[in-house]
Amino acid sequence: MMQNFTILWIEDKEIVITSQVPDIKRFLEKEGFQLNLLIDNEGERFKEYLNNEPIDIIVTDYNISETVKGIDVVDYVREKKMLNDILFYSVHDDLFEDGAIYTKLGHYGLVEVCEGKEVTEPLKNLIKKNIIRCQDIVFLRGFVISRSIELELKLNEFLARYFKIPEKQLEEFHNTILESSYVPMAGKKKWLSQILEKNGIKKEPEFEGLLNKLPEQIDFSPLHSSIVHSQ
């Protein structure tokens, strides 16, 4: 089942939208997504959509109605500290002549500007960037979780060795203390600290040296590569 990709399109002339949607829909399907299109023809519903729907990209014309402009949409998104990508376009050439609109929109961050109402290609590019960014986030999340688990396992192994837990008691030691869902990492550290203080070995060089080496045993190079790739 394909995942939804939601686009909020704010445009008073529906033909502008309907003439470009088929191409956008095909493009998304090739990427493994299903288009979920929300349309606001008067600029009266975009706030409702933004507050209640998981919007991936906002596409807005400059001239929406006599009372609502595309700038109002951008202002609202930034006022609410939303991080949606925005494709902003207009057929009014004079709007772009002195560069003032670029200066204003430049303060907002994730805004792409397009001259004219033919936005299919710029929108495809923005969709692609959005998808790549999401894939990077998913990868990084999985990577951090896997490395955290690896680090915790090494810490568990170290604790068992350090306290010379008999082999026949290792399973119980791991299950009831180290791997217990009721004892998070912070709890384990506190528990360990109390034991070390009680036995007067908290500052023992051998212990500190071994403990400090634990993070060095975890390979974080894929994380660096992914960050470089996403940039």
C-alpha atoms as a PDB file:
ATOM      1  CA  MET A   1       0.000   0.000   0.000  1.00  0.00           C
ATOM      2  CA  MET A   2       1.415   3.368  -1.069  1.00  0.00           C
ATOM      3  CA  GLN A   3       1.962   6.107   1.470  1.00  0.00           C
ATOM      4  CA  ASN A   4       0.088   9.387   1.035  1.00  0.00           C
ATOM      5  CA  PHE A   5       1.967  12.502  -0.047  1.00  0.00           C
ATOM      6  CA  THR A   6      -0.195  15.507   0.802  1.00  0.00           C
ATOM      7  CA  ILE A   7      -0.067  18.712  -1.224  1.00  0.00           C
ATOM      8  CA  LEU A   8      -2.094  21.780  -0.271  1.00  0.00           C
ATOM      9  CA  TRP A   9      -2.676  23.859  -3.412  1.00  0.00           C
ATOM     10  CA  ILE A  10      -4.032  27.390  -2.989  1.00  0.00           C
ATOM     11  CA  GLU A  11      -5.170  28.801  -6.342  1.00  0.00           C
ATOM     12  CA  ASP A  12      -8.339  30.636  -7.434  1.00  0.00           C
ATOM     13  CA  LYS A  13      -8.316  29.225 -10.988  1.00  0.00           C
ATOM     14  CA  GLU A  14      -8.992  25.502 -10.733  1.00  0.00           C
ATOM     15  CA  ILE A  15      -7.880  24.818 -14.327  1.00  0.00           C
ATOM     16  CA  VAL A  16      -4.340  25.748 -13.271  1.00  0.00           C
ATOM     17  CA  ILE A  17      -4.445  22.863 -10.807  1.00  0.00           C
ATOM     18  CA  THR A  18      -6.352  20.243 -12.814  1.00  0.00           C
ATOM     19  CA  SER A  19      -4.127  20.694 -15.876  1.00  0.00           C
ATOM     20  CA  GLN A  20      -0.979  19.839 -13.893  1.00  0.00           C
ATOM     21  CA  VAL A  21      -2.201  17.296 -11.357  1.00  0.00           C
ATOM     22  CA  PRO A  22      -2.085  14.192 -13.647  1.00  0.00           C
ATOM     23  CA  ASP A  23       1.643  14.635 -14.275  1.00  0.00           C
ATOM     24  CA  ILE A  24       2.323  15.219 -10.581  1.00  0.00           C
ATOM     25  CA  LYS A  25       0.234  12.179  -9.670  1.00  0.00           C
ATOM     26  CA  ARG A  26       2.201   9.924 -12.065  1.00  0.00           C
ATOM     27  CA  PHE A  27       5.489  11.277 -10.755  1.00  0.00           C
ATOM     28  CA  LEU A  28       4.549  10.513  -7.152  1.00  0.00           C
ATOM     29  CA  GLU A  29       3.343   7.020  -8.028  1.00  0.00           C
ATOM     30  CA  LYS A  30       6.720   6.253  -9.629  1.00  0.00           C
ATOM     31  CA  GLU A  31       8.319   7.310  -6.352  1.00  0.00           C
ATOM     32  CA  GLY A  32       5.997   4.996  -4.434  1.00  0.00           C
ATOM     33  CA  PHE A  33       3.541   7.584  -3.124  1.00  0.00           C
ATOM     34  CA  GLN A  34      -0.135   8.322  -3.599  1.00  0.00           C
ATOM     35  CA  LEU A  35      -1.179  11.939  -4.146  1.00  0.00           C
ATOM     36  CA  ASN A  36      -3.504  13.384  -1.531  1.00  0.00           C
ATOM     37  CA  LEU A  37      -4.486  16.785  -2.942  1.00  0.00           C
ATOM     38  CA  LEU A  38      -6.162  19.471  -0.844  1.00  0.00           C
ATOM     39  CA  ILE A  39      -7.448  22.515  -2.753  1.00  0.00           C
ATOM     40  CA  ASP A  40      -8.317  25.975  -1.444  1.00  0.00           C
ATOM     41  CA  ASN A  41      -9.764  28.173  -4.199  1.00  0.00           C
ATOM     42  CA  GLU A  42     -10.471  31.255  -2.095  1.00  0.00           C
ATOM     43  CA  GLY A  43      -7.775  31.289   0.559  1.00  0.00           C
ATOM     44  CA  GLU A  44     -10.402  30.658   3.231  1.00  0.00           C
ATOM     45  CA  ARG A  45      -9.495  27.101   4.261  1.00  0.00           C
ATOM     46  CA  PHE A  46      -5.711  26.897   4.205  1.00  0.00           C
ATOM     47  CA  LYS A  47      -5.441  27.578   7.965  1.00  0.00           C
ATOM     48  CA  GLU A  48      -7.900  24.782   8.688  1.00  0.00           C
ATOM     49  CA  TYR A  49      -5.968  22.391   6.452  1.00  0.00           C
ATOM     50  CA  LEU A  50      -2.602  23.330   7.933  1.00  0.00           C
ATOM     51  CA  ASN A  51      -3.827  22.842  11.485  1.00  0.00           C
ATOM     52  CA  ASN A  52      -5.590  19.535  10.874  1.00  0.00           C
ATOM     53  CA  GLU A  53      -3.836  17.745   8.013  1.00  0.00           C
ATOM     54  CA  PRO A  54      -0.272  16.364   7.665  1.00  0.00           C
ATOM     55  CA  ILE A  55       0.792  18.637   4.782  1.00  0.00           C
ATOM     56  CA  ASP A  56       4.025  17.771   2.960  1.00  0.00           C
ATOM     57  CA  ILE A  57       4.165  20.688   0.504  1.00  0.00           C
ATOM     58  CA  ILE A  58       2.206  23.936   0.110  1.00  0.00           C
ATOM     59  CA  VAL A  59       1.733  25.355  -3.390  1.00  0.00           C
ATOM     60  CA  THR A  60       0.320  28.876  -3.497  1.00  0.00           C
ATOM     61  CA  ASP A  61      -0.365  31.562  -6.073  1.00  0.00           C
ATOM     62  CA  TYR A  62       0.439  35.178  -5.204  1.00  0.00           C
ATOM     63  CA  ASN A  63      -3.037  36.467  -6.120  1.00  0.00           C
ATOM     64  CA  ILE A  64      -5.609  34.235  -4.416  1.00  0.00           C
ATOM     65  CA  SER A  65      -8.475  36.648  -3.766  1.00  0.00           C
ATOM     66  CA  GLU A  66      -9.084  40.335  -3.102  1.00  0.00           C
ATOM     67  CA  THR A  67      -8.367  39.846   0.583  1.00  0.00           C
ATOM     68  CA  VAL A  68      -5.869  36.961   0.651  1.00  0.00           C
ATOM     69  CA  LYS A  69      -2.440  36.851  -1.000  1.00  0.00           C
ATOM     70  CA  GLY A  70       0.156  34.123  -1.188  1.00  0.00           C
ATOM     71  CA  ILE A  71       2.329  36.142   1.168  1.00  0.00           C
ATOM     72  CA  ASP A  72      -0.413  35.756   3.802  1.00  0.00           C
ATOM     73  CA  VAL A  73      -0.075  31.988   3.519  1.00  0.00           C
ATOM     74  CA  VAL A  74       3.694  32.169   3.973  1.00  0.00           C
ATOM     75  CA  ASP A  75       3.287  34.588   6.896  1.00  0.00           C
ATOM     76  CA  TYR A  76       0.871  32.217   8.630  1.00  0.00           C
ATOM     77  CA  VAL A  77       3.115  29.188   8.154  1.00  0.00           C
ATOM     78  CA  ARG A  78       6.103  31.015   9.648  1.00  0.00           C
ATOM     79  CA  GLU A  79       4.048  32.599  12.421  1.00  0.00           C
ATOM     80  CA  LYS A  80       2.992  29.113  13.534  1.00  0.00           C
ATOM     81  CA  LYS A  81       6.602  27.891  13.180  1.00  0.00           C
ATOM     82  CA  MET A  82       5.561  25.189  10.716  1.00  0.00           C
ATOM     83  CA  LEU A  83       8.326  23.621   8.626  1.00  0.00           C
ATOM     84  CA  ASN A  84       6.399  22.897   5.435  1.00  0.00           C
ATOM     85  CA  ASP A  85       8.099  23.387   2.075  1.00  0.00           C
ATOM     86  CA  ILE A  86       6.314  26.091   0.053  1.00  0.00           C
ATOM     87  CA  LEU A  87       6.217  26.645  -3.711  1.00  0.00           C
ATOM     88  CA  PHE A  88       5.239  30.277  -4.321  1.00  0.00           C
ATOM     89  CA  TYR A  89       4.355  31.437  -7.855  1.00  0.00           C
ATOM     90  CA  SER A  90       2.820  34.334  -9.780  1.00  0.00           C
ATOM     91  CA  VAL A  91       2.144  35.461 -13.360  1.00  0.00           C
ATOM     92  CA  HIS A  92       2.787  39.095 -12.452  1.00  0.00           C
ATOM     93  CA  ASP A  93       6.228  39.820 -13.891  1.00  0.00           C
ATOM     94  CA  ASP A  94       6.472  43.144 -12.069  1.00  0.00           C
ATOM     95  CA  LEU A  95       6.376  41.249  -8.785  1.00  0.00           C
ATOM     96  CA  PHE A  96       9.811  39.803  -9.565  1.00  0.00           C
ATOM     97  CA  GLU A  97      11.423  42.713 -11.422  1.00  0.00           C
ATOM     98  CA  ASP A  98      13.079  44.533  -8.514  1.00  0.00           C
ATOM     99  CA  GLY A  99      13.849  41.382  -6.557  1.00  0.00           C
ATOM    100  CA  ALA A 100      11.968  42.622  -3.485  1.00  0.00           C
ATOM    101  CA  ILE A 101       9.773  39.532  -3.322  1.00  0.00           C
ATOM    102  CA  TYR A 102      12.854  37.298  -3.248  1.00  0.00           C
ATOM    103  CA  THR A 103      14.269  39.346  -0.385  1.00  0.00           C
ATOM    104  CA  LYS A 104      11.038  39.083   1.592  1.00  0.00           C
ATOM    105  CA  LEU A 105      10.556  35.373   0.990  1.00  0.00           C
ATOM    106  CA  GLY A 106      14.217  34.695   1.659  1.00  0.00           C
ATOM    107  CA  HIS A 107      13.626  35.397   5.336  1.00  0.00           C
ATOM    108  CA  TYR A 108      11.174  32.521   5.538  1.00  0.00           C
ATOM    109  CA  GLY A 109      13.456  29.614   4.759  1.00  0.00           C
ATOM    110  CA  LEU A 110      11.850  26.692   2.909  1.00  0.00           C
ATOM    111  CA  VAL A 111      10.280  28.705   0.073  1.00  0.00           C
ATOM    112  CA  GLU A 112      10.795  28.076  -3.653  1.00  0.00           C
ATOM    113  CA  VAL A 113       9.761  30.892  -6.007  1.00  0.00           C
ATOM    114  CA  CYS A 114       8.443  30.246  -9.514  1.00  0.00           C
ATOM    115  CA  GLU A 115       7.510  32.811 -12.175  1.00  0.00           C
ATOM    116  CA  GLY A 116       4.336  31.846 -14.034  1.00  0.00           C
ATOM    117  CA  LYS A 117       1.609  29.312 -13.299  1.00  0.00           C
ATOM    118  CA  GLU A 118       3.331  26.339 -14.950  1.00  0.00           C
ATOM    119  CA  VAL A 119       4.805  24.800 -11.820  1.00  0.00           C
ATOM    120  CA  THR A 120       4.933  21.094 -12.686  1.00  0.00           C
ATOM    121  CA  GLU A 121       8.723  20.781 -12.973  1.00  0.00           C
ATOM    122  CA  PRO A 122       9.572  23.018  -9.984  1.00  0.00           C
ATOM    123  CA  LEU A 123       7.024  21.078  -7.937  1.00  0.00           C
ATOM    124  CA  LYS A 124       8.545  17.746  -8.985  1.00  0.00           C
ATOM    125  CA  ASN A 125      11.968  18.988  -7.899  1.00  0.00           C
ATOM    126  CA  LEU A 126      10.592  20.103  -4.543  1.00  0.00           C
ATOM    127  CA  ILE A 127       8.818  16.771  -4.061  1.00  0.00           C
ATOM    128  CA  LYS A 128      12.062  14.920  -4.808  1.00  0.00           C
ATOM    129  CA  LYS A 129      13.974  17.002  -2.261  1.00  0.00           C
ATOM    130  CA  ASN A 130      11.236  16.365   0.293  1.00  0.00           C
ATOM    131  CA  ILE A 131      11.321  12.601  -0.275  1.00  0.00           C
ATOM    132  CA  ILE A 132      15.136  12.447  -0.051  1.00  0.00           C
ATOM    133  CA  ARG A 133      15.087  14.453   3.164  1.00  0.00           C
ATOM    134  CA  CYS A 134      12.484  12.118   4.681  1.00  0.00           C
ATOM    135  CA  GLN A 135      14.505   9.062   3.636  1.00  0.00           C
ATOM    136  CA  ASP A 136      17.607  10.548   5.271  1.00  0.00           C
ATOM    137  CA  ILE A 137      15.676  11.180   8.491  1.00  0.00           C
ATOM    138  CA  VAL A 138      14.372   7.603   8.539  1.00  0.00           C
ATOM    139  CA  PHE A 139      17.882   6.259   7.923  1.00  0.00           C
ATOM    140  CA  LEU A 140      19.451   8.445  10.615  1.00  0.00           C
ATOM    141  CA  ARG A 141      16.775   7.496  13.127  1.00  0.00           C
ATOM    142  CA  GLY A 142      17.355   3.801  12.485  1.00  0.00           C
ATOM    143  CA  PHE A 143      21.120   4.273  12.587  1.00  0.00           C
ATOM    144  CA  VAL A 144      21.075   6.110  15.918  1.00  0.00           C
ATOM    145  CA  ILE A 145      18.772   3.490  17.444  1.00  0.00           C
ATOM    146  CA  SER A 146      20.958   0.599  16.241  1.00  0.00           C
ATOM    147  CA  ARG A 147      24.146   2.253  17.513  1.00  0.00           C
ATOM    148  CA  SER A 148      22.500   3.038  20.857  1.00  0.00           C
ATOM    149  CA  ILE A 149      21.518  -0.612  21.212  1.00  0.00           C
ATOM    150  CA  GLU A 150      25.038  -1.697  20.279  1.00  0.00           C
ATOM    151  CA  LEU A 151      26.548   0.675  22.836  1.00  0.00           C
ATOM    152  CA  GLU A 152      24.156  -0.535  25.532  1.00  0.00           C
ATOM    153  CA  LEU A 153      25.004  -4.179  24.794  1.00  0.00           C
ATOM    154  CA  LYS A 154      28.711  -3.423  25.113  1.00  0.00           C
ATOM    155  CA  LEU A 155      28.063  -1.624  28.380  1.00  0.00           C
ATOM    156  CA  ASN A 156      26.075  -4.599  29.652  1.00  0.00           C
ATOM    157  CA  GLU A 157      28.896  -6.969  28.711  1.00  0.00           C
ATOM    158  CA  PHE A 158      31.431  -4.722  30.411  1.00  0.00           C
ATOM    159  CA  LEU A 159      29.418  -4.530  33.635  1.00  0.00           C
ATOM    160  CA  ALA A 160      29.051  -8.297  33.808  1.00  0.00           C
ATOM    161  CA  ARG A 161      32.814  -8.760  33.361  1.00  0.00           C
ATOM    162  CA  TYR A 162      33.771  -5.999  35.751  1.00  0.00           C
ATOM    163  CA  PHE A 163      31.643  -7.284  38.606  1.00  0.00           C
ATOM    164  CA  LYS A 164      32.720 -10.867  37.878  1.00  0.00           C
ATOM    165  CA  ILE A 165      29.183 -12.180  37.611  1.00  0.00           C
ATOM    166  CA  PRO A 166      29.316 -16.030  37.646  1.00  0.00           C
ATOM    167  CA  GLU A 167      28.421 -17.546  34.282  1.00  0.00           C
ATOM    168  CA  LYS A 168      25.415 -19.380  35.721  1.00  0.00           C
ATOM    169  CA  GLN A 169      24.017 -16.037  36.939  1.00  0.00           C
ATOM    170  CA  LEU A 170      24.701 -14.060  33.755  1.00  0.00           C
ATOM    171  CA  GLU A 171      21.266 -14.676  32.257  1.00  0.00           C
ATOM    172  CA  GLU A 172      19.500 -13.505  35.397  1.00  0.00           C
ATOM    173  CA  PHE A 173      21.856 -10.510  35.667  1.00  0.00           C
ATOM    174  CA  HIS A 174      21.106  -9.456  32.091  1.00  0.00           C
ATOM    175  CA  ASN A 175      17.371 -10.084  32.222  1.00  0.00           C
ATOM    176  CA  THR A 176      16.547  -8.602  35.620  1.00  0.00           C
ATOM    177  CA  ILE A 177      18.945  -5.659  35.680  1.00  0.00           C
ATOM    178  CA  LEU A 178      20.649  -4.840  32.394  1.00  0.00           C
ATOM    179  CA  GLU A 179      17.935  -5.735  29.883  1.00  0.00           C
ATOM    180  CA  SER A 180      14.907  -4.976  32.040  1.00  0.00           C
ATOM    181  CA  SER A 181      12.516  -2.529  30.352  1.00  0.00           C
ATOM    182  CA  TYR A 182      11.919  -1.091  33.811  1.00  0.00           C
ATOM    183  CA  VAL A 183      15.558  -0.052  34.121  1.00  0.00           C
ATOM    184  CA  PRO A 184      16.415   2.538  31.410  1.00  0.00           C
ATOM    185  CA  MET A 185      19.982   3.541  30.622  1.00  0.00           C
ATOM    186  CA  ALA A 186      19.783   6.478  33.042  1.00  0.00           C
ATOM    187  CA  GLY A 187      18.681   4.093  35.775  1.00  0.00           C
ATOM    188  CA  LYS A 188      21.533   1.712  35.008  1.00  0.00           C
ATOM    189  CA  LYS A 189      24.042   4.543  35.251  1.00  0.00           C
ATOM    190  CA  LYS A 190      22.605   5.657  38.570  1.00  0.00           C
ATOM    191  CA  TRP A 191      22.575   2.072  39.839  1.00  0.00           C
ATOM    192  CA  LEU A 192      26.185   1.568  38.719  1.00  0.00           C
ATOM    193  CA  SER A 193      27.307   4.865  40.248  1.00  0.00           C
ATOM    194  CA  GLN A 194      25.816   3.921  43.607  1.00  0.00           C
ATOM    195  CA  ILE A 195      27.566   0.534  43.575  1.00  0.00           C
ATOM    196  CA  LEU A 196      30.910   2.108  42.688  1.00  0.00           C
ATOM    197  CA  GLU A 197      30.610   4.759  45.380  1.00  0.00           C
ATOM    198  CA  LYS A 198      29.592   2.173  47.960  1.00  0.00           C
ATOM    199  CA  ASN A 199      32.636   0.064  47.142  1.00  0.00           C
ATOM    200  CA  GLY A 200      34.989   3.028  46.848  1.00  0.00           C
ATOM    201  CA  ILE A 201      36.002   2.262  43.260  1.00  0.00           C
ATOM    202  CA  LYS A 202      34.192   4.965  41.315  1.00  0.00           C
ATOM    203  CA  LYS A 203      37.450   6.752  40.480  1.00  0.00           C
ATOM    204  CA  GLU A 204      39.498   3.619  39.920  1.00  0.00           C
ATOM    205  CA  PRO A 205      41.661   4.275  36.776  1.00  0.00           C
ATOM    206  CA  GLU A 206      41.081   0.813  35.336  1.00  0.00           C
ATOM    207  CA  PHE A 207      37.318   1.230  35.485  1.00  0.00           C
ATOM    208  CA  GLU A 208      37.297   4.762  34.049  1.00  0.00           C
ATOM    209  CA  GLY A 209      39.620   3.713  31.238  1.00  0.00           C
ATOM    210  CA  LEU A 210      37.445   0.801  30.185  1.00  0.00           C
ATOM    211  CA  LEU A 211      34.244   2.791  30.438  1.00  0.00           C
ATOM    212  CA  ASN A 212      35.651   5.688  28.395  1.00  0.00           C
ATOM    213  CA  LYS A 213      36.626   3.300  25.606  1.00  0.00           C
ATOM    214  CA  LEU A 214      33.090   2.014  25.113  1.00  0.00           C
ATOM    215  CA  PRO A 215      31.958   4.764  22.668  1.00  0.00           C
ATOM    216  CA  GLU A 216      35.168   4.259  20.655  1.00  0.00           C
ATOM    217  CA  GLN A 217      34.064   0.717  19.838  1.00  0.00           C
ATOM    218  CA  ILE A 218      30.982   1.963  18.015  1.00  0.00           C
ATOM    219  CA  ASP A 219      31.395   2.811  14.330  1.00  0.00           C
ATOM    220  CA  PHE A 220      29.659   6.132  13.616  1.00  0.00           C
ATOM    221  CA  SER A 221      31.140   6.616  10.117  1.00  0.00           C
ATOM    222  CA  PRO A 222      27.821   5.841   8.319  1.00  0.00           C
ATOM    223  CA  LEU A 223      26.217   8.707  10.244  1.00  0.00           C
ATOM    224  CA  HIS A 224      28.848  11.140   8.968  1.00  0.00           C
ATOM    225  CA  SER A 225      28.435   9.856   5.403  1.00  0.00           C
ATOM    226  CA  SER A 226      24.667  10.278   5.564  1.00  0.00           C
ATOM    227  CA  ILE A 227      24.932  13.845   6.875  1.00  0.00           C
ATOM    228  CA  VAL A 228      27.348  14.760   4.077  1.00  0.00           C
ATOM    229  CA  HIS A 229      25.004  13.129   1.528  1.00  0.00           C
ATOM    230  CA  SER A 230      21.946  15.032   2.777  1.00  0.00           C
ATOM    231  CA  GLN A 231      23.789  18.330   2.486  1.00  0.00           C
END
